[in-house]
Amino acid sequence: MGNNSVEKFQQFADFVKLHGCNIFVSKGRGFFTDIQEWTVQNDLSEIRIFITPETALDFTPDKMCVRYWDWLYGGVMDITDEDIEEIIVSEKTVEIVFEGDCLTLSFYIE
């Protein structure tokens, strides 16, 4: 991974830290949800974003893992891993493009 990718990821981490729960997440086609809770490591190397109380998106500079928490039984299940192809940062949005499935997540503020 190049320095530019790490720099873009750190800009994404700063965006999450700055805007927190005011961020909406969209998979496209009009579907969106608000961020319930978030954490960013102090060194900006990892981001965890809860989009529901049970579902978190865990980001590192090159991957996203979707995790499901079963709060009743205490289990955590990894649902999917996606390789990040590109991170596009602007003033009010961050778009993350994943390899393969043409999947894009958009994080934005109004």
PDB file of N, CA and C in Angstrom:
ATOM      1  N   MET A   1       0.847  -1.175   0.000  1.00  0.00           N
ATOM      2  CA  MET A   1       0.000   0.000   0.000  1.00  0.00           C
ATOM      3  C   MET A   1       0.890   1.235   0.000  1.00  0.00           C
ATOM      4  N   GLY A   2       0.542   2.175  -0.847  1.00  0.00           N
ATOM      5  CA  GLY A   2       1.341   3.386  -0.964  1.00  0.00           C
ATOM      6  C   GLY A   2       1.052   4.386   0.132  1.00  0.00           C
ATOM      7  N   ASN A   3       1.957   5.366   0.230  1.00  0.00           N
ATOM      8  CA  ASN A   3       1.783   6.423   1.230  1.00  0.00           C
ATOM      9  C   ASN A   3       0.510   7.210   0.994  1.00  0.00           C
ATOM     10  N   ASN A   4       0.117   7.384  -0.282  1.00  0.00           N
ATOM     11  CA  ASN A   4      -1.094   8.121  -0.600  1.00  0.00           C
ATOM     12  C   ASN A   4      -2.323   7.420  -0.012  1.00  0.00           C
ATOM     13  N   SER A   5      -2.351   6.077  -0.066  1.00  0.00           N
ATOM     14  CA  SER A   5      -3.473   5.316   0.491  1.00  0.00           C
ATOM     15  C   SER A   5      -3.557   5.490   2.003  1.00  0.00           C
ATOM     16  N   VAL A   6      -2.411   5.436   2.668  1.00  0.00           N
ATOM     17  CA  VAL A   6      -2.388   5.626   4.126  1.00  0.00           C
ATOM     18  C   VAL A   6      -2.832   7.046   4.469  1.00  0.00           C
ATOM     19  N   GLU A   7      -2.379   8.022   3.691  1.00  0.00           N
ATOM     20  CA  GLU A   7      -2.770   9.419   3.921  1.00  0.00           C
ATOM     21  C   GLU A   7      -4.284   9.595   3.740  1.00  0.00           C
ATOM     22  N   LYS A   8      -4.854   8.988   2.709  1.00  0.00           N
ATOM     23  CA  LYS A   8      -6.304   9.070   2.481  1.00  0.00           C
ATOM     24  C   LYS A   8      -7.063   8.401   3.621  1.00  0.00           C
ATOM     25  N   PHE A   9      -6.553   7.261   4.111  1.00  0.00           N
ATOM     26  CA  PHE A   9      -7.200   6.589   5.234  1.00  0.00           C
ATOM     27  C   PHE A   9      -7.168   7.484   6.470  1.00  0.00           C
ATOM     28  N   GLN A  10      -6.054   8.140   6.720  1.00  0.00           N
ATOM     29  CA  GLN A  10      -5.955   9.039   7.872  1.00  0.00           C
ATOM     30  C   GLN A  10      -6.904  10.228   7.722  1.00  0.00           C
ATOM     31  N   GLN A  11      -7.117  10.696   6.493  1.00  0.00           N
ATOM     32  CA  GLN A  11      -8.104  11.757   6.263  1.00  0.00           C
ATOM     33  C   GLN A  11      -9.512  11.242   6.562  1.00  0.00           C
ATOM     34  N   PHE A  12      -9.787   9.994   6.202  1.00  0.00           N
ATOM     35  CA  PHE A  12     -11.065   9.360   6.533  1.00  0.00           C
ATOM     36  C   PHE A  12     -11.227   9.286   8.055  1.00  0.00           C
ATOM     37  N   ALA A  13     -10.184   8.866   8.765  1.00  0.00           N
ATOM     38  CA  ALA A  13     -10.224   8.793  10.232  1.00  0.00           C
ATOM     39  C   ALA A  13     -10.480  10.169  10.836  1.00  0.00           C
ATOM     40  N   ASP A  14      -9.818  11.187  10.313  1.00  0.00           N
ATOM     41  CA  ASP A  14     -10.048  12.559  10.798  1.00  0.00           C
ATOM     42  C   ASP A  14     -11.490  12.999  10.547  1.00  0.00           C
ATOM     43  N   PHE A  15     -12.047  12.637   9.395  1.00  0.00           N
ATOM     44  CA  PHE A  15     -13.434  12.958   9.045  1.00  0.00           C
ATOM     45  C   PHE A  15     -14.387  12.339  10.069  1.00  0.00           C
ATOM     46  N   VAL A  16     -14.143  11.070  10.428  1.00  0.00           N
ATOM     47  CA  VAL A  16     -14.993  10.385  11.413  1.00  0.00           C
ATOM     48  C   VAL A  16     -14.845  11.045  12.779  1.00  0.00           C
ATOM     49  N   LYS A  17     -13.615  11.349  13.187  1.00  0.00           N
ATOM     50  CA  LYS A  17     -13.397  11.986  14.483  1.00  0.00           C
ATOM     51  C   LYS A  17     -14.065  13.363  14.547  1.00  0.00           C
ATOM     52  N   LEU A  18     -13.987  14.111  13.468  1.00  0.00           N
ATOM     53  CA  LEU A  18     -14.526  15.469  13.441  1.00  0.00           C
ATOM     54  C   LEU A  18     -16.055  15.480  13.457  1.00  0.00           C
ATOM     55  N   HIS A  19     -16.680  14.597  12.682  1.00  0.00           N
ATOM     56  CA  HIS A  19     -18.133  14.660  12.496  1.00  0.00           C
ATOM     57  C   HIS A  19     -18.915  13.609  13.282  1.00  0.00           C
ATOM     58  N   GLY A  20     -18.256  12.538  13.736  1.00  0.00           N
ATOM     59  CA  GLY A  20     -18.876  11.541  14.603  1.00  0.00           C
ATOM     60  C   GLY A  20     -20.248  11.078  14.181  1.00  0.00           C
ATOM     61  N   CYS A  21     -21.197  11.150  15.080  1.00  0.00           N
ATOM     62  CA  CYS A  21     -22.541  10.627  14.846  1.00  0.00           C
ATOM     63  C   CYS A  21     -23.389  11.510  13.941  1.00  0.00           C
ATOM     64  N   ASN A  22     -22.825  12.569  13.373  1.00  0.00           N
ATOM     65  CA  ASN A  22     -23.539  13.370  12.382  1.00  0.00           C
ATOM     66  C   ASN A  22     -23.337  12.829  10.968  1.00  0.00           C
ATOM     67  N   ILE A  23     -22.647  11.693  10.847  1.00  0.00           N
ATOM     68  CA  ILE A  23     -22.338  11.110   9.538  1.00  0.00           C
ATOM     69  C   ILE A  23     -23.419  10.115   9.147  1.00  0.00           C
ATOM     70  N   PHE A  24     -23.791  10.141   7.881  1.00  0.00           N
ATOM     71  CA  PHE A  24     -24.678   9.138   7.297  1.00  0.00           C
ATOM     72  C   PHE A  24     -23.842   8.217   6.417  1.00  0.00           C
ATOM     73  N   VAL A  25     -24.262   6.948   6.319  1.00  0.00           N
ATOM     74  CA  VAL A  25     -23.575   5.971   5.481  1.00  0.00           C
ATOM     75  C   VAL A  25     -24.554   5.514   4.415  1.00  0.00           C
ATOM     76  N   SER A  26     -24.096   5.487   3.177  1.00  0.00           N
ATOM     77  CA  SER A  26     -24.962   5.074   2.069  1.00  0.00           C
ATOM     78  C   SER A  26     -24.284   3.990   1.242  1.00  0.00           C
ATOM     79  N   LYS A  27     -25.070   2.962   0.879  1.00  0.00           N
ATOM     80  CA  LYS A  27     -24.606   1.945  -0.058  1.00  0.00           C
ATOM     81  C   LYS A  27     -25.112   2.252  -1.456  1.00  0.00           C
ATOM     82  N   GLY A  28     -25.719   3.396  -1.648  1.00  0.00           N
ATOM     83  CA  GLY A  28     -26.285   3.748  -2.942  1.00  0.00           C
ATOM     84  C   GLY A  28     -27.752   3.362  -3.021  1.00  0.00           C
ATOM     85  N   ARG A  29     -28.383   3.697  -4.131  1.00  0.00           N
ATOM     86  CA  ARG A  29     -29.792   3.382  -4.372  1.00  0.00           C
ATOM     87  C   ARG A  29     -30.706   3.918  -3.270  1.00  0.00           C
ATOM     88  N   GLY A  30     -30.351   5.034  -2.653  1.00  0.00           N
ATOM     89  CA  GLY A  30     -31.234   5.673  -1.686  1.00  0.00           C
ATOM     90  C   GLY A  30     -31.200   5.102  -0.282  1.00  0.00           C
ATOM     91  N   PHE A  31     -30.456   4.027  -0.051  1.00  0.00           N
ATOM     92  CA  PHE A  31     -30.370   3.438   1.277  1.00  0.00           C
ATOM     93  C   PHE A  31     -29.316   4.182   2.093  1.00  0.00           C
ATOM     94  N   PHE A  32     -29.681   4.630   3.283  1.00  0.00           N
ATOM     95  CA  PHE A  32     -28.680   5.237   4.150  1.00  0.00           C
ATOM     96  C   PHE A  32     -29.034   4.991   5.606  1.00  0.00           C
ATOM     97  N   THR A  33     -28.042   5.094   6.443  1.00  0.00           N
ATOM     98  CA  THR A  33     -28.224   4.925   7.885  1.00  0.00           C
ATOM     99  C   THR A  33     -27.286   5.879   8.602  1.00  0.00           C
ATOM    100  N   ASP A  34     -27.608   6.219   9.851  1.00  0.00           N
ATOM    101  CA  ASP A  34     -26.707   7.079  10.620  1.00  0.00           C
ATOM    102  C   ASP A  34     -25.736   6.196  11.396  1.00  0.00           C
ATOM    103  N   ILE A  35     -24.622   6.798  11.727  1.00  0.00           N
ATOM    104  CA  ILE A  35     -23.647   6.119  12.575  1.00  0.00           C
ATOM    105  C   ILE A  35     -24.175   6.140  14.007  1.00  0.00           C
ATOM    106  N   GLN A  36     -24.188   4.977  14.636  1.00  0.00           N
ATOM    107  CA  GLN A  36     -24.662   4.855  16.018  1.00  0.00           C
ATOM    108  C   GLN A  36     -23.557   5.197  17.020  1.00  0.00           C
ATOM    109  N   GLU A  37     -22.357   4.721  16.724  1.00  0.00           N
ATOM    110  CA  GLU A  37     -21.218   4.889  17.629  1.00  0.00           C
ATOM    111  C   GLU A  37     -19.959   4.700  16.793  1.00  0.00           C
ATOM    112  N   TRP A  38     -18.853   5.291  17.231  1.00  0.00           N
ATOM    113  CA  TRP A  38     -17.622   5.159  16.464  1.00  0.00           C
ATOM    114  C   TRP A  38     -16.417   5.258  17.385  1.00  0.00           C
ATOM    115  N   THR A  39     -15.327   4.644  16.970  1.00  0.00           N
ATOM    116  CA  THR A  39     -14.036   4.805  17.646  1.00  0.00           C
ATOM    117  C   THR A  39     -12.955   4.901  16.580  1.00  0.00           C
ATOM    118  N   VAL A  40     -11.965   5.716  16.856  1.00  0.00           N
ATOM    119  CA  VAL A  40     -10.800   5.857  15.984  1.00  0.00           C
ATOM    120  C   VAL A  40      -9.572   5.703  16.868  1.00  0.00           C
ATOM    121  N   GLN A  41      -8.660   4.798  16.472  1.00  0.00           N
ATOM    122  CA  GLN A  41      -7.417   4.633  17.224  1.00  0.00           C
ATOM    123  C   GLN A  41      -6.642   5.947  17.230  1.00  0.00           C
ATOM    124  N   ASN A  42      -5.912   6.209  18.302  1.00  0.00           N
ATOM    125  CA  ASN A  42      -5.152   7.463  18.419  1.00  0.00           C
ATOM    126  C   ASN A  42      -4.174   7.677  17.275  1.00  0.00           C
ATOM    127  N   ASP A  43      -3.588   6.587  16.762  1.00  0.00           N
ATOM    128  CA  ASP A  43      -2.633   6.723  15.661  1.00  0.00           C
ATOM    129  C   ASP A  43      -3.313   6.697  14.285  1.00  0.00           C
ATOM    130  N   LEU A  44      -4.643   6.745  14.258  1.00  0.00           N
ATOM    131  CA  LEU A  44      -5.456   6.767  13.041  1.00  0.00           C
ATOM    132  C   LEU A  44      -5.293   5.509  12.195  1.00  0.00           C
ATOM    133  N   SER A  45      -4.919   4.379  12.819  1.00  0.00           N
ATOM    134  CA  SER A  45      -4.671   3.151  12.065  1.00  0.00           C
ATOM    135  C   SER A  45      -5.901   2.257  11.941  1.00  0.00           C
ATOM    136  N   GLU A  46      -6.903   2.461  12.768  1.00  0.00           N
ATOM    137  CA  GLU A  46      -8.115   1.645  12.731  1.00  0.00           C
ATOM    138  C   GLU A  46      -9.331   2.500  13.077  1.00  0.00           C
ATOM    139  N   ILE A  47     -10.446   2.148  12.441  1.00  0.00           N
ATOM    140  CA  ILE A  47     -11.716   2.836  12.691  1.00  0.00           C
ATOM    141  C   ILE A  47     -12.781   1.766  12.877  1.00  0.00           C
ATOM    142  N   ARG A  48     -13.635   1.927  13.887  1.00  0.00           N
ATOM    143  CA  ARG A  48     -14.797   1.055  14.066  1.00  0.00           C
ATOM    144  C   ARG A  48     -16.027   1.940  14.052  1.00  0.00           C
ATOM    145  N   ILE A  49     -16.987   1.592  13.184  1.00  0.00           N
ATOM    146  CA  ILE A  49     -18.216   2.358  13.055  1.00  0.00           C
ATOM    147  C   ILE A  49     -19.392   1.411  13.223  1.00  0.00           C
ATOM    148  N   PHE A  50     -20.207   1.639  14.252  1.00  0.00           N
ATOM    149  CA  PHE A  50     -21.431   0.862  14.427  1.00  0.00           C
ATOM    150  C   PHE A  50     -22.537   1.521  13.610  1.00  0.00           C
ATOM    151  N   ILE A  51     -23.119   0.758  12.671  1.00  0.00           N
ATOM    152  CA  ILE A  51     -24.233   1.282  11.886  1.00  0.00           C
ATOM    153  C   ILE A  51     -25.567   0.800  12.450  1.00  0.00           C
ATOM    154  N   THR A  52     -25.546  -0.232  13.274  1.00  0.00           N
ATOM    155  CA  THR A  52     -26.670  -0.640  14.119  1.00  0.00           C
ATOM    156  C   THR A  52     -26.040  -1.028  15.449  1.00  0.00           C
ATOM    157  N   PRO A  53     -26.830  -1.228  16.499  1.00  0.00           N
ATOM    158  CA  PRO A  53     -26.227  -1.650  17.762  1.00  0.00           C
ATOM    159  C   PRO A  53     -25.507  -3.000  17.663  1.00  0.00           C
ATOM    160  N   GLU A  54     -25.832  -3.811  16.638  1.00  0.00           N
ATOM    161  CA  GLU A  54     -25.225  -5.139  16.484  1.00  0.00           C
ATOM    162  C   GLU A  54     -24.197  -5.220  15.369  1.00  0.00           C
ATOM    163  N   THR A  55     -24.148  -4.254  14.478  1.00  0.00           N
ATOM    164  CA  THR A  55     -23.319  -4.369  13.277  1.00  0.00           C
ATOM    165  C   THR A  55     -22.287  -3.258  13.222  1.00  0.00           C
ATOM    166  N   ALA A  56     -21.015  -3.669  13.097  1.00  0.00           N
ATOM    167  CA  ALA A  56     -19.922  -2.702  13.021  1.00  0.00           C
ATOM    168  C   ALA A  56     -19.132  -2.909  11.740  1.00  0.00           C
ATOM    169  N   LEU A  57     -18.637  -1.798  11.204  1.00  0.00           N
ATOM    170  CA  LEU A  57     -17.713  -1.810  10.085  1.00  0.00           C
ATOM    171  C   LEU A  57     -16.341  -1.486  10.670  1.00  0.00           C
ATOM    172  N   ASP A  58     -15.404  -2.436  10.580  1.00  0.00           N
ATOM    173  CA  ASP A  58     -14.044  -2.221  11.075  1.00  0.00           C
ATOM    174  C   ASP A  58     -13.130  -1.953   9.894  1.00  0.00           C
ATOM    175  N   PHE A  59     -12.465  -0.800   9.910  1.00  0.00           N
ATOM    176  CA  PHE A  59     -11.605  -0.392   8.808  1.00  0.00           C
ATOM    177  C   PHE A  59     -10.152  -0.356   9.242  1.00  0.00           C
ATOM    178  N   THR A  60      -9.277  -0.839   8.371  1.00  0.00           N
ATOM    179  CA  THR A  60      -7.840  -0.603   8.426  1.00  0.00           C
ATOM    180  C   THR A  60      -7.499   0.035   7.080  1.00  0.00           C
ATOM    181  N   PRO A  61      -6.279   0.508   6.880  1.00  0.00           N
ATOM    182  CA  PRO A  61      -5.998   1.212   5.619  1.00  0.00           C
ATOM    183  C   PRO A  61      -6.284   0.412   4.344  1.00  0.00           C
ATOM    184  N   ASP A  62      -6.283  -0.914   4.406  1.00  0.00           N
ATOM    185  CA  ASP A  62      -6.488  -1.686   3.180  1.00  0.00           C
ATOM    186  C   ASP A  62      -7.695  -2.623   3.207  1.00  0.00           C
ATOM    187  N   LYS A  63      -8.430  -2.702   4.337  1.00  0.00           N
ATOM    188  CA  LYS A  63      -9.555  -3.638   4.446  1.00  0.00           C
ATOM    189  C   LYS A  63     -10.707  -3.064   5.247  1.00  0.00           C
ATOM    190  N   MET A  64     -11.890  -3.638   4.997  1.00  0.00           N
ATOM    191  CA  MET A  64     -13.059  -3.407   5.840  1.00  0.00           C
ATOM    192  C   MET A  64     -13.609  -4.776   6.215  1.00  0.00           C
ATOM    193  N   CYS A  65     -13.897  -4.966   7.495  1.00  0.00           N
ATOM    194  CA  CYS A  65     -14.520  -6.201   7.979  1.00  0.00           C
ATOM    195  C   CYS A  65     -15.862  -5.823   8.589  1.00  0.00           C
ATOM    196  N   VAL A  66     -16.910  -6.536   8.195  1.00  0.00           N
ATOM    197  CA  VAL A  66     -18.230  -6.328   8.780  1.00  0.00           C
ATOM    198  C   VAL A  66     -18.381  -7.359   9.892  1.00  0.00           C
ATOM    199  N   ARG A  67     -18.664  -6.876  11.105  1.00  0.00           N
ATOM    200  CA  ARG A  67     -18.798  -7.755  12.275  1.00  0.00           C
ATOM    201  C   ARG A  67     -20.197  -7.625  12.862  1.00  0.00           C
ATOM    202  N   TYR A  68     -20.711  -8.763  13.339  1.00  0.00           N
ATOM    203  CA  TYR A  68     -22.027  -8.806  13.975  1.00  0.00           C
ATOM    204  C   TYR A  68     -21.855  -9.250  15.423  1.00  0.00           C
ATOM    205  N   TRP A  69     -22.386  -8.476  16.354  1.00  0.00           N
ATOM    206  CA  TRP A  69     -22.332  -8.787  17.783  1.00  0.00           C
ATOM    207  C   TRP A  69     -23.665  -9.387  18.204  1.00  0.00           C
ATOM    208  N   ASP A  70     -23.617 -10.558  18.780  1.00  0.00           N
ATOM    209  CA  ASP A  70     -24.805 -11.166  19.377  1.00  0.00           C
ATOM    210  C   ASP A  70     -24.756 -10.825  20.862  1.00  0.00           C
ATOM    211  N   TRP A  71     -25.387  -9.710  21.236  1.00  0.00           N
ATOM    212  CA  TRP A  71     -25.303  -9.236  22.615  1.00  0.00           C
ATOM    213  C   TRP A  71     -25.956 -10.198  23.591  1.00  0.00           C
ATOM    214  N   LEU A  72     -26.955 -10.946  23.149  1.00  0.00           N
ATOM    215  CA  LEU A  72     -27.637 -11.884  24.030  1.00  0.00           C
ATOM    216  C   LEU A  72     -26.717 -13.022  24.455  1.00  0.00           C
ATOM    217  N   TYR A  73     -25.983 -13.595  23.485  1.00  0.00           N
ATOM    218  CA  TYR A  73     -25.120 -14.750  23.779  1.00  0.00           C
ATOM    219  C   TYR A  73     -23.640 -14.394  23.838  1.00  0.00           C
ATOM    220  N   GLY A  74     -23.300 -13.155  23.556  1.00  0.00           N
ATOM    221  CA  GLY A  74     -21.920 -12.702  23.707  1.00  0.00           C
ATOM    222  C   GLY A  74     -20.985 -13.071  22.578  1.00  0.00           C
ATOM    223  N   GLY A  75     -21.492 -13.513  21.456  1.00  0.00           N
ATOM    224  CA  GLY A  75     -20.623 -13.900  20.347  1.00  0.00           C
ATOM    225  C   GLY A  75     -20.413 -12.777  19.350  1.00  0.00           C
ATOM    226  N   VAL A  76     -19.284 -12.846  18.653  1.00  0.00           N
ATOM    227  CA  VAL A  76     -18.980 -11.910  17.583  1.00  0.00           C
ATOM    228  C   VAL A  76     -18.697 -12.732  16.333  1.00  0.00           C
ATOM    229  N   MET A  77     -19.346 -12.352  15.236  1.00  0.00           N
ATOM    230  CA  MET A  77     -19.178 -13.105  13.995  1.00  0.00           C
ATOM    231  C   MET A  77     -18.711 -12.149  12.891  1.00  0.00           C
ATOM    232  N   ASP A  78     -17.639 -12.549  12.192  1.00  0.00           N
ATOM    233  CA  ASP A  78     -17.200 -11.792  11.023  1.00  0.00           C
ATOM    234  C   ASP A  78     -18.094 -12.183   9.854  1.00  0.00           C
ATOM    235  N   ILE A  79     -18.759 -11.184   9.257  1.00  0.00           N
ATOM    236  CA  ILE A  79     -19.683 -11.448   8.154  1.00  0.00           C
ATOM    237  C   ILE A  79     -18.934 -11.458   6.825  1.00  0.00           C
ATOM    238  N   THR A  80     -18.120 -10.445   6.584  1.00  0.00           N
ATOM    239  CA  THR A  80     -17.394 -10.361   5.316  1.00  0.00           C
ATOM    240  C   THR A  80     -16.169  -9.473   5.471  1.00  0.00           C
ATOM    241  N   ASP A  81     -15.187  -9.723   4.631  1.00  0.00           N
ATOM    242  CA  ASP A  81     -14.004  -8.865   4.500  1.00  0.00           C
ATOM    243  C   ASP A  81     -13.973  -8.327   3.084  1.00  0.00           C
ATOM    244  N   GLU A  82     -13.691  -7.061   2.954  1.00  0.00           N
ATOM    245  CA  GLU A  82     -13.583  -6.439   1.632  1.00  0.00           C
ATOM    246  C   GLU A  82     -12.255  -5.699   1.544  1.00  0.00           C
ATOM    247  N   ASP A  83     -11.555  -5.834   0.424  1.00  0.00           N
ATOM    248  CA  ASP A  83     -10.322  -5.090   0.185  1.00  0.00           C
ATOM    249  C   ASP A  83     -10.663  -3.708  -0.353  1.00  0.00           C
ATOM    250  N   ILE A  84     -10.048  -2.690   0.227  1.00  0.00           N
ATOM    251  CA  ILE A  84     -10.278  -1.316  -0.207  1.00  0.00           C
ATOM    252  C   ILE A  84      -9.416  -1.027  -1.432  1.00  0.00           C
ATOM    253  N   GLU A  85     -10.064  -0.547  -2.478  1.00  0.00           N
ATOM    254  CA  GLU A  85      -9.352  -0.179  -3.705  1.00  0.00           C
ATOM    255  C   GLU A  85      -8.952   1.291  -3.697  1.00  0.00           C
ATOM    256  N   GLU A  86      -9.878   2.142  -3.230  1.00  0.00           N
ATOM    257  CA  GLU A  86      -9.622   3.584  -3.271  1.00  0.00           C
ATOM    258  C   GLU A  86     -10.461   4.293  -2.211  1.00  0.00           C
ATOM    259  N   ILE A  87      -9.902   5.362  -1.651  1.00  0.00           N
ATOM    260  CA  ILE A  87     -10.621   6.234  -0.722  1.00  0.00           C
ATOM    261  C   ILE A  87     -10.599   7.635  -1.332  1.00  0.00           C
ATOM    262  N   ILE A  88     -11.792   8.200  -1.517  1.00  0.00           N
ATOM    263  CA  ILE A  88     -11.932   9.524  -2.122  1.00  0.00           C
ATOM    264  C   ILE A  88     -12.480  10.463  -1.050  1.00  0.00           C
ATOM    265  N   VAL A  89     -11.705  11.470  -0.699  1.00  0.00           N
ATOM    266  CA  VAL A  89     -12.061  12.372   0.392  1.00  0.00           C
ATOM    267  C   VAL A  89     -12.363  13.757  -0.166  1.00  0.00           C
ATOM    268  N   SER A  90     -13.503  14.314   0.252  1.00  0.00           N
ATOM    269  CA  SER A  90     -13.808  15.714  -0.054  1.00  0.00           C
ATOM    270  C   SER A  90     -14.274  16.374   1.241  1.00  0.00           C
ATOM    271  N   GLU A  91     -14.710  17.607   1.161  1.00  0.00           N
ATOM    272  CA  GLU A  91     -15.057  18.365   2.368  1.00  0.00           C
ATOM    273  C   GLU A  91     -16.208  17.740   3.157  1.00  0.00           C
ATOM    274  N   LYS A  92     -17.254  17.271   2.459  1.00  0.00           N
ATOM    275  CA  LYS A  92     -18.439  16.755   3.146  1.00  0.00           C
ATOM    276  C   LYS A  92     -18.687  15.273   2.918  1.00  0.00           C
ATOM    277  N   THR A  93     -17.812  14.591   2.184  1.00  0.00           N
ATOM    278  CA  THR A  93     -18.014  13.165   1.916  1.00  0.00           C
ATOM    279  C   THR A  93     -16.692  12.410   1.896  1.00  0.00           C
ATOM    280  N   VAL A  94     -16.807  11.128   2.163  1.00  0.00           N
ATOM    281  CA  VAL A  94     -15.715  10.180   1.939  1.00  0.00           C
ATOM    282  C   VAL A  94     -16.341   8.992   1.236  1.00  0.00           C
ATOM    283  N   GLU A  95     -15.784   8.616   0.091  1.00  0.00           N
ATOM    284  CA  GLU A  95     -16.255   7.439  -0.626  1.00  0.00           C
ATOM    285  C   GLU A  95     -15.177   6.380  -0.557  1.00  0.00           C
ATOM    286  N   ILE A  96     -15.596   5.157  -0.251  1.00  0.00           N
ATOM    287  CA  ILE A  96     -14.665   4.042  -0.208  1.00  0.00           C
ATOM    288  C   ILE A  96     -15.105   3.049  -1.270  1.00  0.00           C
ATOM    289  N   VAL A  97     -14.195   2.783  -2.195  1.00  0.00           N
ATOM    290  CA  VAL A  97     -14.454   1.861  -3.297  1.00  0.00           C
ATOM    291  C   VAL A  97     -13.721   0.561  -2.985  1.00  0.00           C
ATOM    292  N   PHE A  98     -14.447  -0.541  -3.083  1.00  0.00           N
ATOM    293  CA  PHE A  98     -13.881  -1.851  -2.776  1.00  0.00           C
ATOM    294  C   PHE A  98     -13.565  -2.612  -4.051  1.00  0.00           C
ATOM    295  N   GLU A  99     -12.608  -3.516  -3.979  1.00  0.00           N
ATOM    296  CA  GLU A  99     -12.224  -4.326  -5.132  1.00  0.00           C
ATOM    297  C   GLU A  99     -13.309  -5.358  -5.425  1.00  0.00           C
ATOM    298  N   GLY A 100     -13.446  -5.679  -6.691  1.00  0.00           N
ATOM    299  CA  GLY A 100     -14.286  -6.816  -7.068  1.00  0.00           C
ATOM    300  C   GLY A 100     -15.743  -6.520  -7.320  1.00  0.00           C
ATOM    301  N   ASP A 101     -16.536  -6.436  -6.275  1.00  0.00           N
ATOM    302  CA  ASP A 101     -17.989  -6.438  -6.406  1.00  0.00           C
ATOM    303  C   ASP A 101     -18.601  -5.084  -6.766  1.00  0.00           C
ATOM    304  N   CYS A 102     -17.805  -4.120  -7.156  1.00  0.00           N
ATOM    305  CA  CYS A 102     -18.298  -2.778  -7.487  1.00  0.00           C
ATOM    306  C   CYS A 102     -19.061  -2.173  -6.309  1.00  0.00           C
ATOM    307  N   LEU A 103     -18.660  -2.473  -5.106  1.00  0.00           N
ATOM    308  CA  LEU A 103     -19.315  -1.964  -3.903  1.00  0.00           C
ATOM    309  C   LEU A 103     -18.661  -0.657  -3.505  1.00  0.00           C
ATOM    310  N   THR A 104     -19.471   0.334  -3.241  1.00  0.00           N
ATOM    311  CA  THR A 104     -18.984   1.630  -2.766  1.00  0.00           C
ATOM    312  C   THR A 104     -19.793   2.039  -1.549  1.00  0.00           C
ATOM    313  N   LEU A 105     -19.125   2.496  -0.507  1.00  0.00           N
ATOM    314  CA  LEU A 105     -19.785   3.102   0.639  1.00  0.00           C
ATOM    315  C   LEU A 105     -19.480   4.584   0.621  1.00  0.00           C
ATOM    316  N   SER A 106     -20.496   5.386   0.910  1.00  0.00           N
ATOM    317  CA  SER A 106     -20.305   6.832   0.996  1.00  0.00           C
ATOM    318  C   SER A 106     -20.638   7.272   2.411  1.00  0.00           C
ATOM    319  N   PHE A 107     -19.734   8.029   2.996  1.00  0.00           N
ATOM    320  CA  PHE A 107     -19.938   8.619   4.311  1.00  0.00           C
ATOM    321  C   PHE A 107     -20.091  10.107   4.079  1.00  0.00           C
ATOM    322  N   TYR A 108     -21.165  10.700   4.575  1.00  0.00           N
ATOM    323  CA  TYR A 108     -21.381  12.111   4.281  1.00  0.00           C
ATOM    324  C   TYR A 108     -22.082  12.825   5.423  1.00  0.00           C
ATOM    325  N   ILE A 109     -21.907  14.140   5.418  1.00  0.00           N
ATOM    326  CA  ILE A 109     -22.623  15.003   6.340  1.00  0.00           C
ATOM    327  C   ILE A 109     -23.479  15.932   5.499  1.00  0.00           C
ATOM    328  N   GLU A 110     -24.553  16.417   6.082  1.00  0.00           N
ATOM    329  CA  GLU A 110     -25.438  17.324   5.339  1.00  0.00           C
ATOM    330  C   GLU A 110     -24.980  18.757   5.488  1.00  0.00           C
TER     331      GLU A 110
END
